[in-house]
Amino acid sequence: MRYADSDRVFDELLVISVRTGDRRAAERLAARWHPRLMRTAIRILGDRDQGQDATQETWAAISAGWVRLDDPRKFAGWAFAILHRKCTDIQRRLIKDRDGLNEMALASGDARVEASDSRIAINNAFTGLKPEHRATAILFFAEGLSLIEVSHITGVPVGTVKSRLFNARQQLKTTLERQTP
């Protein structure tokens, strides 16, 4: 799904209206963008509840940061950059919490491993990607953002984005081939 020029212009007008205090424009922008941000967060994090948390944190940051958005034409990249940071924060918290639980389990002699939920093949394949590869692939393939936009959102050079996309494609292909009978 590509982000059409007409959508960009409409969003730009909504952002300009929001910055002048138009609450209805803010509600309309949220109605247009909340599902897209939510879908991306769930894909990045692999969990609906965590995706909802990330999206809620993202909207809080967007609402507090309208004045810092110097160019309303860059709303999409700005919103996805905030979402990317919030997802990264949640992933870090989860890793820290998981490591703490693993240490407690080892200390108590409980080495049980939870079985993962069964998911469709594509979700399993995406979940198996490194977090930075998963985020890059989702922003590029699923959200239809350009290499430059993904570069800006993730804070890495375009060459690194290309490399991550190449690696993600290779790993997705390998994973999906193994899962297909």
Protein backbone atom coordinates (compact mmCIF):
# COMPACT_ATOMS: atom_id res chain seq x y z
CA MET A 1 0.00 0.00 0.00
CA ARG A 2 1.66 3.18 -1.16
CA TYR A 3 1.10 6.53 0.48
CA ALA A 4 -0.53 8.54 -2.32
CA ASP A 5 0.28 12.19 -2.99
CA SER A 6 -3.37 13.14 -2.41
CA ASP A 7 -3.23 11.47 1.03
CA ARG A 8 -0.05 13.37 1.86
CA VAL A 9 -1.65 16.69 0.89
CA PHE A 10 -4.79 15.95 2.89
CA ASP A 11 -2.73 14.94 5.93
CA GLU A 12 -0.65 18.10 5.54
CA LEU A 13 -3.80 20.21 5.60
CA LEU A 14 -5.05 18.36 8.67
CA VAL A 15 -1.72 18.90 10.45
CA ILE A 16 -1.79 22.62 9.64
CA SER A 17 -5.33 22.80 11.03
CA VAL A 18 -4.36 20.86 14.16
CA ARG A 19 -1.49 23.24 14.81
CA THR A 20 -3.96 26.14 14.76
CA GLY A 21 -6.04 24.42 17.46
CA ASP A 22 -8.67 22.62 15.36
CA ARG A 23 -9.75 19.65 17.49
CA ARG A 24 -11.87 18.13 14.73
CA ALA A 25 -8.85 18.06 12.44
CA ALA A 26 -6.90 16.26 15.17
CA GLU A 27 -9.69 13.71 15.53
CA ARG A 28 -9.84 13.21 11.78
CA LEU A 29 -6.07 12.78 11.54
CA ALA A 30 -6.16 10.27 14.39
CA ALA A 31 -9.00 8.37 12.73
CA ARG A 32 -6.98 8.19 9.51
CA TRP A 33 -3.67 7.23 11.12
CA HIS A 34 -4.48 5.20 14.22
CA PRO A 35 -5.26 1.95 12.33
CA ARG A 36 -2.13 2.27 10.21
CA LEU A 37 0.12 2.93 13.21
CA MET A 38 -1.56 0.14 15.17
CA ARG A 39 -1.09 -2.37 12.35
CA THR A 40 2.57 -1.45 12.04
CA ALA A 41 3.18 -1.65 15.80
CA ILE A 42 1.56 -5.08 16.00
CA ARG A 43 3.69 -6.30 13.09
CA ILE A 44 6.88 -4.93 14.61
CA LEU A 45 6.20 -6.22 18.12
CA GLY A 46 4.34 -9.40 17.16
CA ASP A 47 1.73 -8.85 19.88
CA ARG A 48 -1.62 -7.01 19.81
CA ASP A 49 -1.48 -5.73 23.41
CA GLN A 50 2.07 -4.47 23.03
CA GLY A 51 1.10 -2.90 19.70
CA GLN A 52 -1.78 -1.09 21.39
CA ASP A 53 0.56 0.18 24.10
CA ALA A 54 3.07 1.41 21.53
CA THR A 55 0.36 3.11 19.49
CA GLN A 56 -1.10 4.80 22.56
CA GLU A 57 2.35 6.04 23.60
CA THR A 58 2.90 7.24 20.03
CA TRP A 59 -0.31 9.28 19.98
CA ALA A 60 0.58 10.84 23.33
CA ALA A 61 3.95 11.89 21.88
CA ILE A 62 2.36 13.14 18.64
CA SER A 63 -0.20 15.17 20.56
CA ALA A 64 2.47 16.70 22.74
CA GLY A 65 4.79 17.38 19.83
CA TRP A 66 2.76 19.16 17.15
CA VAL A 67 4.80 22.32 17.64
CA ARG A 68 8.06 20.43 17.02
CA LEU A 69 6.91 19.23 13.60
CA ASP A 70 8.50 21.96 11.50
CA ASP A 71 7.22 20.67 8.13
CA PRO A 72 3.64 19.32 8.00
CA ARG A 73 4.53 17.47 4.77
CA LYS A 74 6.71 15.16 6.83
CA PHE A 75 3.93 13.99 9.14
CA ALA A 76 4.04 10.36 7.97
CA GLY A 77 7.77 9.96 8.54
CA TRP A 78 7.58 11.85 11.83
CA ALA A 79 4.71 9.68 13.10
CA PHE A 80 6.43 6.44 12.06
CA ALA A 81 9.70 7.60 13.64
CA ILE A 82 7.90 8.14 16.94
CA LEU A 83 6.21 4.74 16.62
CA HIS A 84 9.55 3.10 15.84
CA ARG A 85 11.09 4.60 19.00
CA LYS A 86 8.13 3.50 21.13
CA CYS A 87 8.31 -0.06 19.73
CA THR A 88 12.05 -0.14 20.39
CA ASP A 89 11.45 1.00 23.98
CA ILE A 90 8.87 -1.75 24.49
CA GLN A 91 11.21 -4.37 22.99
CA ARG A 92 13.99 -3.26 25.36
CA ARG A 93 11.64 -3.49 28.35
CA LEU A 94 10.51 -6.95 27.27
CA ILE A 95 14.08 -8.18 26.88
CA LYS A 96 15.00 -6.77 30.29
CA ASP A 97 11.90 -8.35 31.89
CA ARG A 98 12.50 -11.69 30.13
CA ASP A 99 16.14 -11.75 31.20
CA GLY A 100 15.08 -11.06 34.77
CA LEU A 101 12.51 -13.88 34.67
CA ASN A 102 15.04 -16.29 33.13
CA GLU A 103 17.51 -15.49 35.90
CA MET A 104 14.81 -16.10 38.53
CA ALA A 105 13.76 -19.37 36.85
CA LEU A 106 17.35 -20.61 36.70
CA ALA A 107 17.94 -19.62 40.31
CA SER A 108 14.83 -21.54 41.40
CA GLY A 109 15.68 -24.56 39.22
CA ASP A 110 12.63 -24.02 37.00
CA ALA A 111 13.81 -24.30 33.39
CA ARG A 112 10.42 -24.63 31.74
CA VAL A 113 10.13 -23.08 28.32
CA GLU A 114 6.80 -21.66 27.23
CA ALA A 115 5.50 -22.97 23.94
CA SER A 116 4.86 -20.19 21.49
CA ASP A 117 1.42 -19.63 19.99
CA SER A 118 0.89 -21.04 16.57
CA ARG A 119 0.67 -18.25 13.98
CA ILE A 120 0.36 -18.11 10.26
CA ALA A 121 3.57 -18.71 8.35
CA ILE A 122 4.22 -15.11 7.37
CA ASN A 123 3.84 -13.84 10.94
CA ASN A 124 6.26 -16.53 12.13
CA ALA A 125 8.71 -15.54 9.46
CA PHE A 126 8.53 -11.84 10.40
CA THR A 127 8.77 -12.64 14.09
CA GLY A 128 11.98 -14.55 13.42
CA LEU A 129 13.67 -11.49 11.96
CA LYS A 130 16.02 -9.36 14.02
CA PRO A 131 14.05 -6.38 15.40
CA GLU A 132 15.84 -3.86 13.18
CA HIS A 133 15.25 -6.01 10.09
CA ARG A 134 11.60 -6.57 11.01
CA ALA A 135 10.92 -2.86 11.51
CA THR A 136 12.67 -1.94 8.26
CA ALA A 137 10.82 -4.62 6.26
CA ILE A 138 7.43 -3.67 7.68
CA LEU A 139 7.92 0.03 7.04
CA PHE A 140 9.08 -0.60 3.48
CA PHE A 141 6.92 -3.54 2.34
CA ALA A 142 3.77 -3.20 4.41
CA GLU A 143 3.57 0.57 4.80
CA GLY A 144 4.97 1.40 1.39
CA LEU A 145 7.44 4.00 2.63
CA SER A 146 10.42 4.94 0.49
CA LEU A 147 14.00 3.96 1.32
CA ILE A 148 14.69 7.58 2.29
CA GLU A 149 11.67 7.68 4.60
CA VAL A 150 12.63 4.38 6.23
CA SER A 151 16.18 5.73 6.62
CA HIS A 152 14.89 8.83 8.37
CA ILE A 153 12.52 6.86 10.62
CA THR A 154 15.09 4.29 11.71
CA GLY A 155 17.98 6.74 11.89
CA VAL A 156 20.31 4.72 9.67
CA PRO A 157 21.79 5.47 6.22
CA VAL A 158 19.91 4.40 3.07
CA GLY A 159 22.63 1.82 2.37
CA THR A 160 21.95 0.21 5.73
CA VAL A 161 18.21 0.18 4.97
CA LYS A 162 18.95 -1.59 1.68
CA SER A 163 21.16 -4.09 3.45
CA ARG A 164 18.52 -4.78 6.10
CA LEU A 165 15.87 -5.26 3.42
CA PHE A 166 18.11 -7.66 1.52
CA ASN A 167 18.82 -9.67 4.68
CA ALA A 168 15.14 -9.63 5.68
CA ARG A 169 14.10 -10.90 2.22
CA GLN A 170 16.66 -13.69 2.36
CA GLN A 171 15.64 -14.80 5.84
CA LEU A 172 11.91 -14.56 5.04
CA LYS A 173 12.42 -16.63 1.90
CA THR A 174 14.40 -19.29 3.77
CA THR A 175 11.91 -19.43 6.65
CA LEU A 176 8.88 -19.62 4.40
CA GLU A 177 10.46 -22.32 2.22
CA ARG A 178 11.10 -24.44 5.31
CA GLN A 179 7.50 -24.01 6.52
CA THR A 180 5.92 -24.87 3.17
CA PRO A 181 5.30 -28.59 2.75
